């Protein structure tokens, strides 16, 4: 479940945690419940990274448009 601190995650922090989640899922050895929780956390982190990338793209597009 997301909380307020998830909104404060930098792109780099979200990406690093996502990498860790993927490694843990790939390694196996977790219960079904743990795997589901990791999957859900990974989905949240992936969305957060996507939001950062979309925001960066919008800023770049705006900067290019200002130069025109």
PDB file of N, CA and C in Angstrom:
ATOM      1  N   UNK A   1       0.845  -1.177   0.000  1.00  0.00           N
ATOM      2  CA  UNK A   1       0.000   0.000   0.000  1.00  0.00           C
ATOM      3  C   UNK A   1       0.893   1.243   0.000  1.00  0.00           C
ATOM      4  N   UNK A   2       0.651   2.168  -0.951  1.00  0.00           N
ATOM      5  CA  UNK A   2       1.468   3.380  -1.002  1.00  0.00           C
ATOM      6  C   UNK A   2       1.214   4.284   0.189  1.00  0.00           C
ATOM      7  N   UNK A   3       2.233   5.021   0.555  1.00  0.00           N
ATOM      8  CA  UNK A   3       2.046   6.013   1.608  1.00  0.00           C
ATOM      9  C   UNK A   3       2.708   7.307   1.172  1.00  0.00           C
ATOM     10  N   UNK A   4       2.656   8.311   2.020  1.00  0.00           N
ATOM     11  CA  UNK A   4       3.142   9.648   1.667  1.00  0.00           C
ATOM     12  C   UNK A   4       4.621   9.640   1.311  1.00  0.00           C
ATOM     13  N   UNK A   5       5.414   8.806   1.958  1.00  0.00           N
ATOM     14  CA  UNK A   5       6.844   8.802   1.664  1.00  0.00           C
ATOM     15  C   UNK A   5       7.133   8.277   0.263  1.00  0.00           C
ATOM     16  N   UNK A   6       6.228   7.464  -0.295  1.00  0.00           N
ATOM     17  CA  UNK A   6       6.418   6.995  -1.667  1.00  0.00           C
ATOM     18  C   UNK A   6       6.383   8.152  -2.654  1.00  0.00           C
ATOM     19  N   UNK A   7       5.610   9.176  -2.352  1.00  0.00           N
ATOM     20  CA  UNK A   7       5.546  10.358  -3.211  1.00  0.00           C
ATOM     21  C   UNK A   7       6.843  11.155  -3.173  1.00  0.00           C
ATOM     22  N   UNK A   8       7.647  10.937  -2.145  1.00  0.00           N
ATOM     23  CA  UNK A   8       8.902  11.664  -1.981  1.00  0.00           C
ATOM     24  C   UNK A   8      10.105  10.926  -2.573  1.00  0.00           C
ATOM     25  N   UNK A   9       9.879   9.709  -3.067  1.00  0.00           N
ATOM     26  CA  UNK A   9      10.976   8.926  -3.616  1.00  0.00           C
ATOM     27  C   UNK A   9      11.569   9.618  -4.847  1.00  0.00           C
ATOM     28  N   UNK A  10      12.886   9.722  -4.868  1.00  0.00           N
ATOM     29  CA  UNK A  10      13.542  10.203  -6.079  1.00  0.00           C
ATOM     30  C   UNK A  10      13.489   9.099  -7.125  1.00  0.00           C
ATOM     31  N   UNK A  11      13.754   9.469  -8.356  1.00  0.00           N
ATOM     32  CA  UNK A  11      13.801   8.465  -9.419  1.00  0.00           C
ATOM     33  C   UNK A  11      14.838   7.395  -9.083  1.00  0.00           C
ATOM     34  N   UNK A  12      16.007   7.839  -8.671  1.00  0.00           N
ATOM     35  CA  UNK A  12      17.101   6.912  -8.390  1.00  0.00           C
ATOM     36  C   UNK A  12      16.755   5.957  -7.249  1.00  0.00           C
ATOM     37  N   UNK A  13      16.138   6.478  -6.197  1.00  0.00           N
ATOM     38  CA  UNK A  13      15.760   5.628  -5.057  1.00  0.00           C
ATOM     39  C   UNK A  13      14.697   4.615  -5.476  1.00  0.00           C
ATOM     40  N   UNK A  14      13.709   5.060  -6.237  1.00  0.00           N
ATOM     41  CA  UNK A  14      12.653   4.158  -6.697  1.00  0.00           C
ATOM     42  C   UNK A  14      13.233   3.086  -7.614  1.00  0.00           C
ATOM     43  N   UNK A  15      14.133   3.477  -8.506  1.00  0.00           N
ATOM     44  CA  UNK A  15      14.751   2.525  -9.428  1.00  0.00           C
ATOM     45  C   UNK A  15      15.575   1.487  -8.667  1.00  0.00           C
ATOM     46  N   UNK A  16      16.366   1.924  -7.710  1.00  0.00           N
ATOM     47  CA  UNK A  16      17.195   0.998  -6.941  1.00  0.00           C
ATOM     48  C   UNK A  16      16.336   0.009  -6.153  1.00  0.00           C
ATOM     49  N   UNK A  17      15.274   0.509  -5.543  1.00  0.00           N
ATOM     50  CA  UNK A  17      14.395  -0.393  -4.801  1.00  0.00           C
ATOM     51  C   UNK A  17      13.701  -1.364  -5.752  1.00  0.00           C
ATOM     52  N   UNK A  18      13.312  -0.881  -6.922  1.00  0.00           N
ATOM     53  CA  UNK A  18      12.679  -1.746  -7.914  1.00  0.00           C
ATOM     54  C   UNK A  18      13.632  -2.853  -8.350  1.00  0.00           C
ATOM     55  N   UNK A  19      14.885  -2.509  -8.566  1.00  0.00           N
ATOM     56  CA  UNK A  19      15.889  -3.519  -8.926  1.00  0.00           C
ATOM     57  C   UNK A  19      15.988  -4.571  -7.831  1.00  0.00           C
ATOM     58  N   UNK A  20      15.977  -4.132  -6.579  1.00  0.00           N
ATOM     59  CA  UNK A  20      16.044  -5.070  -5.458  1.00  0.00           C
ATOM     60  C   UNK A  20      14.816  -5.975  -5.418  1.00  0.00           C
ATOM     61  N   UNK A  21      13.658  -5.418  -5.659  1.00  0.00           N
ATOM     62  CA  UNK A  21      12.423  -6.205  -5.666  1.00  0.00           C
ATOM     63  C   UNK A  21      12.501  -7.275  -6.753  1.00  0.00           C
ATOM     64  N   UNK A  22      12.936  -6.885  -7.937  1.00  0.00           N
ATOM     65  CA  UNK A  22      13.032  -7.842  -9.045  1.00  0.00           C
ATOM     66  C   UNK A  22      14.023  -8.954  -8.697  1.00  0.00           C
ATOM     67  N   UNK A  23      15.158  -8.600  -8.137  1.00  0.00           N
ATOM     68  CA  UNK A  23      16.149  -9.620  -7.736  1.00  0.00           C
ATOM     69  C   UNK A  23      15.555 -10.604  -6.737  1.00  0.00           C
ATOM     70  N   UNK A  24      14.819 -10.071  -5.771  1.00  0.00           N
ATOM     71  CA  UNK A  24      14.229 -10.941  -4.754  1.00  0.00           C
ATOM     72  C   UNK A  24      13.184 -11.868  -5.362  1.00  0.00           C
ATOM     73  N   UNK A  25      12.384 -11.341  -6.295  1.00  0.00           N
ATOM     74  CA  UNK A  25      11.386 -12.185  -6.949  1.00  0.00           C
ATOM     75  C   UNK A  25      12.050 -13.249  -7.812  1.00  0.00           C
ATOM     76  N   UNK A  26      13.088 -12.871  -8.531  1.00  0.00           N
ATOM     77  CA  UNK A  26      13.781 -13.827  -9.386  1.00  0.00           C
ATOM     78  C   UNK A  26      14.494 -14.908  -8.578  1.00  0.00           C
ATOM     79  N   UNK A  27      14.972 -14.551  -7.397  1.00  0.00           N
ATOM     80  CA  UNK A  27      15.690 -15.510  -6.559  1.00  0.00           C
ATOM     81  C   UNK A  27      14.760 -16.581  -6.004  1.00  0.00           C
ATOM     82  N   UNK A  28      13.489 -16.229  -5.866  1.00  0.00           N
ATOM     83  CA  UNK A  28      12.537 -17.188  -5.319  1.00  0.00           C
ATOM     84  C   UNK A  28      12.740 -17.364  -3.819  1.00  0.00           C
ATOM     85  N   UNK A  29      12.192 -18.432  -3.311  1.00  0.00           N
ATOM     86  CA  UNK A  29      12.343 -18.725  -1.886  1.00  0.00           C
ATOM     87  C   UNK A  29      11.426 -17.934  -0.989  1.00  0.00           C
ATOM     88  N   UNK A  30      10.470 -17.234  -1.571  1.00  0.00           N
ATOM     89  CA  UNK A  30       9.518 -16.481  -0.756  1.00  0.00           C
ATOM     90  C   UNK A  30       8.165 -17.175  -0.809  1.00  0.00           C
ATOM     91  N   UNK A  31       7.362 -16.894   0.172  1.00  0.00           N
ATOM     92  CA  UNK A  31       6.014 -17.455   0.179  1.00  0.00           C
ATOM     93  C   UNK A  31       5.179 -16.750  -0.879  1.00  0.00           C
ATOM     94  N   UNK A  32       4.049 -17.313  -1.169  1.00  0.00           N
ATOM     95  CA  UNK A  32       3.145 -16.683  -2.129  1.00  0.00           C
ATOM     96  C   UNK A  32       2.756 -15.286  -1.662  1.00  0.00           C
ATOM     97  N   UNK A  33       2.448 -15.155  -0.390  1.00  0.00           N
ATOM     98  CA  UNK A  33       2.049 -13.849   0.152  1.00  0.00           C
ATOM     99  C   UNK A  33       3.183 -12.834   0.023  1.00  0.00           C
ATOM    100  N   UNK A  34       4.406 -13.262   0.343  1.00  0.00           N
ATOM    101  CA  UNK A  34       5.558 -12.369   0.204  1.00  0.00           C
ATOM    102  C   UNK A  34       5.788 -11.986  -1.255  1.00  0.00           C
ATOM    103  N   UNK A  35       5.641 -12.960  -2.139  1.00  0.00           N
ATOM    104  CA  UNK A  35       5.819 -12.688  -3.567  1.00  0.00           C
ATOM    105  C   UNK A  35       4.790 -11.690  -4.068  1.00  0.00           C
ATOM    106  N   UNK A  36       3.558 -11.843  -3.638  1.00  0.00           N
ATOM    107  CA  UNK A  36       2.509 -10.904  -4.040  1.00  0.00           C
ATOM    108  C   UNK A  36       2.799  -9.501  -3.523  1.00  0.00           C
ATOM    109  N   UNK A  37       3.252  -9.417  -2.277  1.00  0.00           N
ATOM    110  CA  UNK A  37       3.584  -8.109  -1.709  1.00  0.00           C
ATOM    111  C   UNK A  37       4.749  -7.471  -2.472  1.00  0.00           C
ATOM    112  N   UNK A  38       5.753  -8.266  -2.813  1.00  0.00           N
ATOM    113  CA  UNK A  38       6.870  -7.745  -3.600  1.00  0.00           C
ATOM    114  C   UNK A  38       6.406  -7.282  -4.973  1.00  0.00           C
ATOM    115  N   UNK A  39       5.551  -8.077  -5.606  1.00  0.00           N
ATOM    116  CA  UNK A  39       5.025  -7.711  -6.927  1.00  0.00           C
ATOM    117  C   UNK A  39       4.284  -6.379  -6.849  1.00  0.00           C
ATOM    118  N   UNK A  40       3.430  -6.235  -5.858  1.00  0.00           N
ATOM    119  CA  UNK A  40       2.673  -4.989  -5.697  1.00  0.00           C
ATOM    120  C   UNK A  40       3.609  -3.810  -5.463  1.00  0.00           C
ATOM    121  N   UNK A  41       4.629  -4.009  -4.645  1.00  0.00           N
ATOM    122  CA  UNK A  41       5.597  -2.944  -4.392  1.00  0.00           C
ATOM    123  C   UNK A  41       6.340  -2.594  -5.680  1.00  0.00           C
ATOM    124  N   UNK A  42       6.701  -3.616  -6.437  1.00  0.00           N
ATOM    125  CA  UNK A  42       7.371  -3.385  -7.712  1.00  0.00           C
ATOM    126  C   UNK A  42       6.506  -2.591  -8.681  1.00  0.00           C
ATOM    127  N   UNK A  43       5.235  -2.906  -8.737  1.00  0.00           N
ATOM    128  CA  UNK A  43       4.318  -2.156  -9.609  1.00  0.00           C
ATOM    129  C   UNK A  43       4.259  -0.688  -9.191  1.00  0.00           C
ATOM    130  N   UNK A  44       4.172  -0.443  -7.896  1.00  0.00           N
ATOM    131  CA  UNK A  44       4.132   0.933  -7.397  1.00  0.00           C
ATOM    132  C   UNK A  44       5.429   1.670  -7.766  1.00  0.00           C
ATOM    133  N   UNK A  45       6.558   1.004  -7.568  1.00  0.00           N
ATOM    134  CA  UNK A  45       7.843   1.632  -7.871  1.00  0.00           C
ATOM    135  C   UNK A  45       7.993   1.890  -9.367  1.00  0.00           C
ATOM    136  N   UNK A  46       7.536   0.964 -10.188  1.00  0.00           N
ATOM    137  CA  UNK A  46       7.605   1.153 -11.635  1.00  0.00           C
ATOM    138  C   UNK A  46       6.755   2.353 -12.060  1.00  0.00           C
ATOM    139  N   UNK A  47       5.577   2.493 -11.458  1.00  0.00           N
ATOM    140  CA  UNK A  47       4.732   3.662 -11.761  1.00  0.00           C
ATOM    141  C   UNK A  47       5.427   4.953 -11.348  1.00  0.00           C
ATOM    142  N   UNK A  48       6.063   4.922 -10.192  1.00  0.00           N
ATOM    143  CA  UNK A  48       6.770   6.120  -9.703  1.00  0.00           C
ATOM    144  C   UNK A  48       7.900   6.492 -10.656  1.00  0.00           C
ATOM    145  N   UNK A  49       8.657   5.514 -11.103  1.00  0.00           N
ATOM    146  CA  UNK A  49       9.727   5.782 -12.073  1.00  0.00           C
ATOM    147  C   UNK A  49       9.147   6.352 -13.363  1.00  0.00           C
ATOM    148  N   UNK A  50       8.053   5.784 -13.823  1.00  0.00           N
ATOM    149  CA  UNK A  50       7.422   6.272 -15.052  1.00  0.00           C
ATOM    150  C   UNK A  50       6.957   7.721 -14.894  1.00  0.00           C
ATOM    151  N   UNK A  51       6.413   8.046 -13.738  1.00  0.00           N
ATOM    152  CA  UNK A  51       5.997   9.426 -13.477  1.00  0.00           C
ATOM    153  C   UNK A  51       7.190  10.378 -13.569  1.00  0.00           C
ATOM    154  N   UNK A  52       8.320   9.967 -12.983  1.00  0.00           N
ATOM    155  CA  UNK A  52       9.521  10.793 -13.045  1.00  0.00           C
ATOM    156  C   UNK A  52       9.969  10.989 -14.490  1.00  0.00           C
ATOM    157  N   UNK A  53       9.977   9.902 -15.259  1.00  0.00           N
ATOM    158  CA  UNK A  53      10.425   9.992 -16.646  1.00  0.00           C
ATOM    159  C   UNK A  53       9.486  10.856 -17.484  1.00  0.00           C
ATOM    160  N   UNK A  54       8.193  10.724 -17.265  1.00  0.00           N
ATOM    161  CA  UNK A  54       7.226  11.555 -17.985  1.00  0.00           C
ATOM    162  C   UNK A  54       7.391  13.024 -17.615  1.00  0.00           C
ATOM    163  N   UNK A  55       7.652  13.289 -16.334  1.00  0.00           N
ATOM    164  CA  UNK A  55       7.883  14.666 -15.900  1.00  0.00           C
ATOM    165  C   UNK A  55       9.141  15.249 -16.523  1.00  0.00           C
ATOM    166  N   UNK A  56      10.185  14.434 -16.590  1.00  0.00           N
ATOM    167  CA  UNK A  56      11.430  14.891 -17.213  1.00  0.00           C
ATOM    168  C   UNK A  56      11.212  15.183 -18.697  1.00  0.00           C
ATOM    169  N   UNK A  57      10.466  14.310 -19.364  1.00  0.00           N
ATOM    170  CA  UNK A  57      10.176  14.519 -20.793  1.00  0.00           C
ATOM    171  C   UNK A  57       9.387  15.809 -20.992  1.00  0.00           C
ATOM    172  N   UNK A  58       8.414  16.060 -20.145  1.00  0.00           N
ATOM    173  CA  UNK A  58       7.617  17.286 -20.258  1.00  0.00           C
ATOM    174  C   UNK A  58       8.490  18.518 -20.059  1.00  0.00           C
ATOM    175  N   UNK A  59       9.404  18.464 -19.107  1.00  0.00           N
ATOM    176  CA  UNK A  59      10.305  19.602 -18.870  1.00  0.00           C
ATOM    177  C   UNK A  59      11.224  19.827 -20.056  1.00  0.00           C
ATOM    178  N   UNK A  60      11.746  18.742 -20.635  1.00  0.00           N
ATOM    179  CA  UNK A  60      12.601  18.877 -21.812  1.00  0.00           C
ATOM    180  C   UNK A  60      11.830  19.437 -23.000  1.00  0.00           C
ATOM    181  N   UNK A  61      10.623  18.925 -23.209  1.00  0.00           N
ATOM    182  CA  UNK A  61       9.791  19.422 -24.303  1.00  0.00           C
ATOM    183  C   UNK A  61       9.492  20.911 -24.125  1.00  0.00           C
ATOM    184  N   UNK A  62       9.215  21.316 -22.883  1.00  0.00           N
ATOM    185  CA  UNK A  62       8.931  22.725 -22.610  1.00  0.00           C
ATOM    186  C   UNK A  62      10.171  23.580 -22.869  1.00  0.00           C
ATOM    187  N   UNK A  63      11.331  23.087 -22.481  1.00  0.00           N
ATOM    188  CA  UNK A  63      12.563  23.835 -22.682  1.00  0.00           C
ATOM    189  C   UNK A  63      12.862  23.981 -24.174  1.00  0.00           C
ATOM    190  N   UNK A  64      12.644  22.927 -24.923  1.00  0.00           N
ATOM    191  CA  UNK A  64      12.871  22.990 -26.373  1.00  0.00           C
ATOM    192  C   UNK A  64      11.877  23.945 -27.015  1.00  0.00           C
ATOM    193  N   UNK A  65      10.631  23.899 -26.568  1.00  0.00           N
ATOM    194  CA  UNK A  65       9.608  24.775 -27.124  1.00  0.00           C
ATOM    195  C   UNK A  65       9.937  26.242 -26.829  1.00  0.00           C
ATOM    196  N   UNK A  66      10.497  26.516 -25.658  1.00  0.00           N
ATOM    197  CA  UNK A  66      10.882  27.880 -25.310  1.00  0.00           C
ATOM    198  C   UNK A  66      12.005  28.395 -26.199  1.00  0.00           C
ATOM    199  N   UNK A  67      12.874  27.486 -26.630  1.00  0.00           N
ATOM    200  CA  UNK A  67      13.994  27.885 -27.503  1.00  0.00           C
ATOM    201  C   UNK A  67      13.527  28.197 -28.913  1.00  0.00           C
ATOM    202  N   UNK A  68      12.385  27.653 -29.311  1.00  0.00           N
ATOM    203  CA  UNK A  68      11.869  27.891 -30.660  1.00  0.00           C
ATOM    204  C   UNK A  68      11.247  29.230 -30.712  1.00  0.00           C
TER     205      UNK A  68
END
